Amino acid sequence: MKLITTAWMLCIWQGIFAQHLKTMETTTNNTEAIVSVIDQYFKGIETGDTVLLGQTFHKDALLFGDINGEAYAKTRNEYLSGVANRVSPEKSGQPFEAEILSVDVINSIAVAKLHVRMYAFNYYNFLTLHETEGNWLIINKTLTNVID
């Protein structure tokens, strides 16, 4: 009986505590700012502009995923170096298609699901963004190439 009473009191305590949690905040301004960062990210990829692209990432951002079954892991700087050393879709004349599939925002964090087609790749990206001092930056990118 003592165990049941203790369990019941813990449930009541947790219920009281949960009622005092802060409300999650999602505003249109946040979504607009995030979409602006993603648009800049897309433009940087398409044109190969590593300065523009670099401005979308936190200096310590990491990138993970797989490309055709091969593991992919890079730092922000390794990723930007790779972009700098390839011919951009714009310069190659190859089509570049990019779209935002979803954006979820809670307080100062966000997750965006993206679809990017370039060259022979059909990428799905998940970007994690964080707002610091009024600026949204990509802190993590995960990606995979889906073979059609």
Protein backbone atom coordinates (compact mmCIF):
# COMPACT_ATOMS: atom_id res chain seq x y z
CA MET A 1 0.00 0.00 0.00
CA LYS A 2 2.90 2.32 0.83
CA LEU A 3 4.30 1.78 -2.70
CA ILE A 4 0.95 2.62 -4.32
CA THR A 5 0.57 5.78 -2.24
CA THR A 6 4.12 6.89 -3.13
CA ALA A 7 3.51 6.22 -6.84
CA TRP A 8 0.22 8.14 -6.71
CA MET A 9 1.90 11.13 -5.02
CA LEU A 10 4.68 11.14 -7.61
CA CYS A 11 2.08 11.23 -10.41
CA ILE A 12 0.27 14.13 -8.73
CA TRP A 13 3.57 15.99 -8.20
CA GLN A 14 4.59 15.52 -11.83
CA GLY A 15 1.16 16.75 -12.96
CA ILE A 16 1.48 19.89 -10.86
CA PHE A 17 5.02 20.49 -12.13
CA ALA A 18 4.00 19.98 -15.77
CA GLN A 19 1.35 22.68 -15.45
CA HIS A 20 4.07 25.25 -14.69
CA LEU A 21 6.21 24.61 -17.76
CA LYS A 22 6.75 27.54 -20.11
CA THR A 23 4.67 27.64 -23.25
CA MET A 24 6.43 26.87 -26.51
CA GLU A 25 6.61 29.86 -28.81
CA THR A 26 6.43 29.76 -32.57
CA THR A 27 6.06 33.05 -34.38
CA THR A 28 5.73 34.02 -38.01
CA ASN A 29 8.80 36.25 -37.64
CA ASN A 30 10.91 33.24 -36.65
CA THR A 31 9.67 31.22 -39.60
CA GLU A 32 10.35 34.09 -42.01
CA ALA A 33 13.88 34.52 -40.64
CA ILE A 34 14.54 30.78 -40.93
CA VAL A 35 13.22 30.66 -44.50
CA SER A 36 15.53 33.57 -45.33
CA VAL A 37 18.54 31.62 -44.01
CA ILE A 38 17.48 28.55 -45.98
CA ASP A 39 17.06 30.62 -49.16
CA GLN A 40 20.62 31.93 -48.63
CA TYR A 41 21.78 28.32 -48.08
CA PHE A 42 20.14 27.24 -51.37
CA LYS A 43 21.68 30.18 -53.25
CA GLY A 44 25.13 29.39 -51.84
CA ILE A 45 24.88 25.77 -52.98
CA GLU A 46 23.57 26.68 -56.43
CA THR A 47 26.18 29.36 -57.14
CA GLY A 48 29.10 27.85 -55.20
CA ASP A 49 29.38 31.05 -53.16
CA THR A 50 31.14 29.73 -50.04
CA VAL A 51 31.09 33.11 -48.30
CA LEU A 52 27.30 33.30 -48.63
CA LEU A 53 26.93 29.63 -47.73
CA GLY A 54 29.31 29.93 -44.79
CA GLN A 55 27.20 32.72 -43.31
CA THR A 56 24.31 30.28 -42.88
CA PHE A 57 26.29 27.87 -40.69
CA HIS A 58 27.48 28.18 -37.11
CA LYS A 59 31.29 28.02 -37.04
CA ASP A 60 31.16 24.65 -35.23
CA ALA A 61 28.37 23.06 -37.30
CA LEU A 62 28.67 19.40 -38.23
CA LEU A 63 27.29 17.51 -41.22
CA PHE A 64 26.39 13.80 -41.25
CA GLY A 65 24.58 11.37 -43.48
CA ASP A 66 25.07 8.95 -46.31
CA ILE A 67 25.51 9.28 -50.02
CA ASN A 68 24.68 6.13 -51.95
CA GLY A 69 25.28 4.02 -48.83
CA GLU A 70 28.62 5.65 -48.00
CA ALA A 71 28.92 7.39 -44.64
CA TYR A 72 29.32 11.16 -44.79
CA ALA A 73 30.74 13.23 -41.92
CA LYS A 74 32.27 16.68 -42.24
CA THR A 75 32.87 19.83 -40.31
CA ARG A 76 31.52 23.12 -41.63
CA ASN A 77 34.94 24.07 -43.00
CA GLU A 78 35.45 20.71 -44.72
CA TYR A 79 32.02 21.06 -46.33
CA LEU A 80 32.72 24.61 -47.53
CA SER A 81 36.06 23.47 -48.97
CA GLY A 82 34.26 20.76 -50.93
CA VAL A 83 31.79 23.29 -52.32
CA ALA A 84 34.67 25.61 -53.26
CA ASN A 85 36.42 22.80 -55.14
CA ARG A 86 33.52 21.69 -57.32
CA VAL A 87 31.85 23.32 -60.28
CA SER A 88 28.60 24.84 -59.08
CA PRO A 89 25.30 23.84 -60.68
CA GLU A 90 24.96 27.41 -61.93
CA LYS A 91 28.35 27.40 -63.70
CA SER A 92 27.86 23.90 -65.08
CA GLY A 93 24.48 24.78 -66.58
CA GLN A 94 22.96 21.81 -64.75
CA PRO A 95 19.48 22.10 -63.26
CA PHE A 96 19.18 22.91 -59.58
CA GLU A 97 15.90 22.36 -57.75
CA ALA A 98 15.47 23.08 -54.07
CA GLU A 99 12.42 23.27 -51.87
CA ILE A 100 11.52 23.53 -48.22
CA LEU A 101 9.26 20.65 -47.26
CA SER A 102 8.66 21.69 -43.66
CA VAL A 103 9.87 23.94 -40.87
CA ASP A 104 9.16 23.30 -37.20
CA VAL A 105 10.06 25.98 -34.67
CA ILE A 106 10.00 25.81 -30.89
CA ASN A 107 11.46 28.77 -29.04
CA SER A 108 15.07 29.20 -30.22
CA ILE A 109 15.41 25.91 -32.13
CA ALA A 110 14.10 24.80 -35.49
CA VAL A 111 14.25 21.80 -37.78
CA ALA A 112 13.79 22.13 -41.53
CA LYS A 113 13.24 19.29 -43.97
CA LEU A 114 14.54 20.11 -47.46
CA HIS A 115 14.62 18.47 -50.88
CA VAL A 116 17.52 19.33 -53.21
CA ARG A 117 18.07 17.94 -56.70
CA MET A 118 21.39 18.71 -58.35
CA TYR A 119 23.57 16.80 -60.77
CA ALA A 120 22.59 13.12 -60.35
CA PHE A 121 21.67 13.58 -56.69
CA ASN A 122 18.25 13.53 -55.06
CA TYR A 123 19.10 14.83 -51.59
CA TYR A 124 16.89 15.05 -48.55
CA ASN A 125 18.37 17.31 -45.89
CA PHE A 126 17.39 17.93 -42.30
CA LEU A 127 18.79 21.18 -40.94
CA THR A 128 18.79 21.99 -37.25
CA LEU A 129 18.92 25.72 -36.64
CA HIS A 130 19.41 27.74 -33.47
CA GLU A 131 18.74 31.39 -32.81
CA THR A 132 21.48 33.22 -30.98
CA GLU A 133 21.53 36.97 -30.48
CA GLY A 134 18.75 37.45 -33.02
CA ASN A 135 20.41 35.37 -35.77
CA TRP A 136 19.33 31.96 -36.97
CA LEU A 137 22.20 29.65 -37.97
CA ILE A 138 22.45 26.04 -39.11
CA ILE A 139 24.08 24.06 -36.31
CA ASN A 140 23.69 20.61 -37.86
CA LYS A 141 22.94 19.16 -41.28
CA THR A 142 22.00 15.57 -41.98
CA LEU A 143 21.57 14.35 -45.52
CA THR A 144 20.92 11.36 -47.67
CA ASN A 145 20.72 10.71 -51.39
CA VAL A 146 17.59 8.81 -52.40
CA ILE A 147 18.05 6.88 -55.63
CA ASP A 148 15.00 7.27 -57.86
